[in-house]
Amino acid sequence: MSEQCAVGAVPRVWVGCLGCYNDGFLPGAWFTATTAPTDMTTFNQQVRDVGRYHQVDEHEEIWCLDHEHFDGVLTGEFAPATGARVAALIADLATEQRHALAAWITHTDTTATTLTDTHIQQWRQGYIGLFDSEEAFARDQADEEHGKALAAMPWPFGHIDWPAATTDLFSTRYWSHRVVGGAVDVFHEQ
């Protein structure tokens, strides 16, 4: 299993005026997600030259049209308040953990835009860690739960068909998500 990783990069969002965007203009700016403007008044004060696009029509809605360092937890476009809330929830997670959370969100049919502290707690309870493979996890579990007993068994009784044991383990108690490089995040089935 991997060791604790450093906290991931701070999530950032590019906030733009949705009305201007729909009219073919793109005024906006990058902000730290937790401090991005969530209303048009604040947006107008913080984004240079946005007023020239609002001379004819005053627009009412701003939107996160791009983002970085959410690491799959949030995708697509979303409201700045959603970005701020989710960024605060994942602030203490390492990049690898954010990717694991994104996999958990997909697996559990949780919606990232409605992510709460309760979801984060459920994820933490279910997430076991990053392993080289499902079989590496199965071997680690066997050693952790039955290491001395397995070591004491004479041949051939201590011989384990690891591919079959791994299949059994992951068909009932655990699930995994393959990450870049071939390793797997392993979770308890909840």
Protein backbone atom coordinates (compact mmCIF):
# COMPACT_ATOMS: atom_id res chain seq x y z
CA MET A 1 0.00 0.00 0.00
CA SER A 2 1.24 3.50 -0.70
CA GLU A 3 2.36 5.85 2.02
CA GLN A 4 0.52 9.06 2.81
CA CYS A 5 1.02 11.54 -0.01
CA ALA A 6 1.43 15.30 0.15
CA VAL A 7 -1.73 17.37 -0.15
CA GLY A 8 -2.71 18.02 -3.77
CA ALA A 9 -2.52 21.34 -5.53
CA VAL A 10 -5.09 23.98 -4.66
CA PRO A 11 -8.14 23.73 -6.95
CA ARG A 12 -8.61 26.74 -9.23
CA VAL A 13 -11.49 27.85 -11.42
CA TRP A 14 -11.83 30.15 -14.39
CA VAL A 15 -14.97 32.18 -13.71
CA GLY A 16 -16.67 33.92 -16.59
CA CYS A 17 -19.87 35.78 -17.28
CA LEU A 18 -22.31 33.24 -18.74
CA GLY A 19 -24.29 35.90 -20.60
CA CYS A 20 -21.14 37.25 -22.26
CA TYR A 21 -20.03 33.71 -23.10
CA ASN A 22 -23.38 33.04 -24.77
CA ASP A 23 -23.01 36.33 -26.69
CA GLY A 24 -19.57 35.30 -27.99
CA PHE A 25 -17.34 37.19 -25.54
CA LEU A 26 -15.16 35.66 -22.87
CA PRO A 27 -14.43 38.01 -19.95
CA GLY A 28 -13.31 36.24 -16.82
CA ALA A 29 -10.34 35.31 -14.68
CA TRP A 30 -8.68 32.48 -12.76
CA PHE A 31 -9.36 32.28 -9.02
CA THR A 32 -8.57 29.93 -6.18
CA ALA A 33 -11.78 27.88 -6.08
CA THR A 34 -12.55 28.58 -2.43
CA THR A 35 -12.33 32.36 -2.90
CA ALA A 36 -13.85 32.76 -6.37
CA PRO A 37 -16.64 35.31 -6.73
CA THR A 38 -20.10 33.74 -6.48
CA ASP A 39 -22.19 36.74 -7.51
CA MET A 40 -22.13 39.22 -10.39
CA THR A 41 -21.38 42.25 -8.18
CA THR A 42 -18.21 40.70 -6.78
CA PHE A 43 -17.29 39.37 -10.22
CA ASN A 44 -17.62 42.86 -11.75
CA GLN A 45 -15.34 44.26 -9.02
CA GLN A 46 -12.67 41.59 -9.40
CA VAL A 47 -12.50 41.08 -13.16
CA ARG A 48 -10.84 43.84 -15.12
CA ASP A 49 -12.67 45.24 -18.19
CA VAL A 50 -15.82 43.17 -17.66
CA GLY A 51 -17.89 46.35 -17.47
CA ARG A 52 -17.38 47.13 -21.16
CA TYR A 53 -19.28 43.95 -22.06
CA HIS A 54 -22.19 44.91 -19.81
CA GLN A 55 -22.87 48.36 -21.24
CA VAL A 56 -25.94 47.24 -23.21
CA ASP A 57 -27.20 44.31 -21.13
CA GLU A 58 -26.43 43.69 -17.48
CA HIS A 59 -25.85 39.97 -17.16
CA GLU A 60 -26.88 38.03 -14.07
CA GLU A 61 -25.00 34.74 -13.99
CA ILE A 62 -21.38 33.71 -13.65
CA TRP A 63 -20.09 30.19 -14.20
CA CYS A 64 -16.90 28.15 -13.84
CA LEU A 65 -16.04 27.50 -17.47
CA ASP A 66 -12.67 25.84 -16.78
CA HIS A 67 -10.91 24.38 -13.76
CA GLU A 68 -7.78 22.61 -12.58
CA HIS A 69 -6.65 20.43 -9.68
CA PHE A 70 -10.04 18.91 -8.90
CA ASP A 71 -8.44 15.71 -10.22
CA GLY A 72 -11.64 14.20 -11.58
CA VAL A 73 -13.81 14.93 -8.54
CA LEU A 74 -15.58 17.72 -10.44
CA THR A 75 -15.80 17.69 -14.21
CA GLY A 76 -17.39 19.93 -16.80
CA GLU A 77 -18.78 23.35 -15.98
CA PHE A 78 -20.41 24.31 -12.68
CA ALA A 79 -21.46 27.20 -10.45
CA PRO A 80 -18.67 28.97 -8.51
CA ALA A 81 -20.37 28.12 -5.20
CA THR A 82 -20.21 24.42 -6.12
CA GLY A 83 -16.52 24.73 -6.95
CA ALA A 84 -15.83 26.49 -3.64
CA ARG A 85 -17.73 23.89 -1.61
CA VAL A 86 -16.10 20.88 -3.29
CA ALA A 87 -12.63 22.49 -3.15
CA ALA A 88 -13.03 22.95 0.60
CA LEU A 89 -14.07 19.29 0.97
CA ILE A 90 -11.02 17.96 -0.91
CA ALA A 91 -8.47 20.51 0.34
CA ASP A 92 -6.65 18.03 2.60
CA LEU A 93 -6.54 15.21 0.03
CA ALA A 94 -3.47 14.29 -1.99
CA THR A 95 -3.83 14.18 -5.78
CA GLU A 96 -3.89 10.36 -5.71
CA GLN A 97 -6.63 10.41 -3.09
CA ARG A 98 -8.68 12.84 -5.17
CA HIS A 99 -8.48 10.43 -8.10
CA ALA A 100 -9.62 7.62 -5.78
CA LEU A 101 -12.50 9.79 -4.56
CA ALA A 102 -13.50 10.47 -8.18
CA ALA A 103 -13.60 6.70 -8.81
CA TRP A 104 -15.71 6.20 -5.68
CA ILE A 105 -18.12 8.95 -6.78
CA THR A 106 -18.63 7.18 -10.10
CA HIS A 107 -18.92 3.71 -8.54
CA THR A 108 -21.47 4.77 -5.92
CA ASP A 109 -23.54 6.95 -8.27
CA THR A 110 -22.86 9.92 -6.03
CA THR A 111 -23.08 13.29 -7.75
CA ALA A 112 -19.98 15.42 -7.31
CA THR A 113 -22.05 18.62 -7.33
CA THR A 114 -23.90 17.39 -4.22
CA LEU A 115 -20.82 16.02 -2.44
CA THR A 116 -20.94 16.48 1.35
CA ASP A 117 -18.83 15.78 4.43
CA THR A 118 -20.88 12.59 4.91
CA HIS A 119 -19.82 11.38 1.45
CA ILE A 120 -16.17 12.13 2.26
CA GLN A 121 -16.50 10.12 5.50
CA GLN A 122 -18.08 7.19 3.61
CA TRP A 123 -15.28 7.33 1.05
CA ARG A 124 -12.61 7.38 3.79
CA GLN A 125 -14.25 4.34 5.44
CA GLY A 126 -14.38 2.42 2.16
CA TYR A 127 -11.01 3.37 0.67
CA ILE A 128 -8.24 0.91 1.54
CA GLY A 129 -5.40 2.29 -0.55
CA LEU A 130 -3.29 2.08 -3.66
CA PHE A 131 -1.75 -1.30 -4.57
CA ASP A 132 0.37 -2.56 -7.45
CA SER A 133 -2.44 -4.92 -8.49
CA GLU A 134 -5.54 -6.70 -7.20
CA GLU A 135 -3.40 -9.78 -6.60
CA ALA A 136 -0.88 -7.74 -4.60
CA PHE A 137 -3.77 -6.58 -2.42
CA ALA A 138 -5.05 -10.18 -2.02
CA ARG A 139 -1.59 -11.36 -0.95
CA ASP A 140 -1.28 -8.44 1.47
CA GLN A 141 -4.70 -9.22 2.98
CA ALA A 142 -3.87 -12.92 3.35
CA ASP A 143 -0.58 -12.08 5.03
CA GLU A 144 -2.22 -9.52 7.30
CA GLU A 145 -5.14 -11.76 8.32
CA HIS A 146 -3.55 -15.23 8.24
CA GLY A 147 0.20 -14.75 7.83
CA LYS A 148 1.43 -17.02 10.63
CA ALA A 149 -1.10 -19.76 9.86
CA LEU A 150 -0.20 -19.73 6.16
CA ALA A 151 3.51 -19.83 6.89
CA ALA A 152 3.06 -22.79 9.24
CA MET A 153 1.16 -24.92 6.71
CA PRO A 154 3.24 -27.67 5.10
CA TRP A 155 3.39 -28.04 1.37
CA PRO A 156 1.03 -28.42 -0.56
CA PHE A 157 -1.58 -27.04 1.86
CA GLY A 158 -0.04 -23.58 1.97
CA HIS A 159 -0.10 -23.28 -1.82
CA ILE A 160 -2.69 -20.71 -2.95
CA ASP A 161 -4.05 -20.16 -6.43
CA TRP A 162 -3.65 -16.37 -6.22
CA PRO A 163 -5.53 -15.49 -9.43
CA ALA A 164 -8.55 -17.54 -8.23
CA ALA A 165 -8.33 -16.18 -4.68
CA THR A 166 -8.13 -12.65 -6.04
CA THR A 167 -11.19 -13.20 -8.23
CA ASP A 168 -13.13 -14.52 -5.23
CA LEU A 169 -12.07 -11.60 -3.05
CA PHE A 170 -13.05 -8.99 -5.64
CA SER A 171 -16.35 -10.64 -6.49
CA THR A 172 -17.68 -10.28 -2.95
CA ARG A 173 -15.89 -7.94 -0.58
CA TYR A 174 -13.83 -5.46 -2.57
CA TRP A 175 -13.73 -3.47 -5.80
CA SER A 176 -10.90 -1.68 -7.53
CA HIS A 177 -10.23 1.10 -9.98
CA ARG A 178 -7.17 0.96 -12.25
CA VAL A 179 -5.06 4.11 -12.21
CA VAL A 180 -2.43 5.41 -14.61
CA GLY A 181 0.58 3.11 -14.53
CA GLY A 182 -1.43 -0.04 -13.86
CA ALA A 183 -1.80 0.17 -10.08
CA VAL A 184 -5.25 -0.11 -8.49
CA ASP A 185 -7.15 1.82 -5.85
CA VAL A 186 -8.92 -0.74 -3.65
CA PHE A 187 -12.19 -0.16 -1.82
CA HIS A 188 -14.47 -2.12 0.52
CA GLU A 189 -17.75 -2.97 -1.18
CA GLN A 190 -20.34 -0.98 0.81
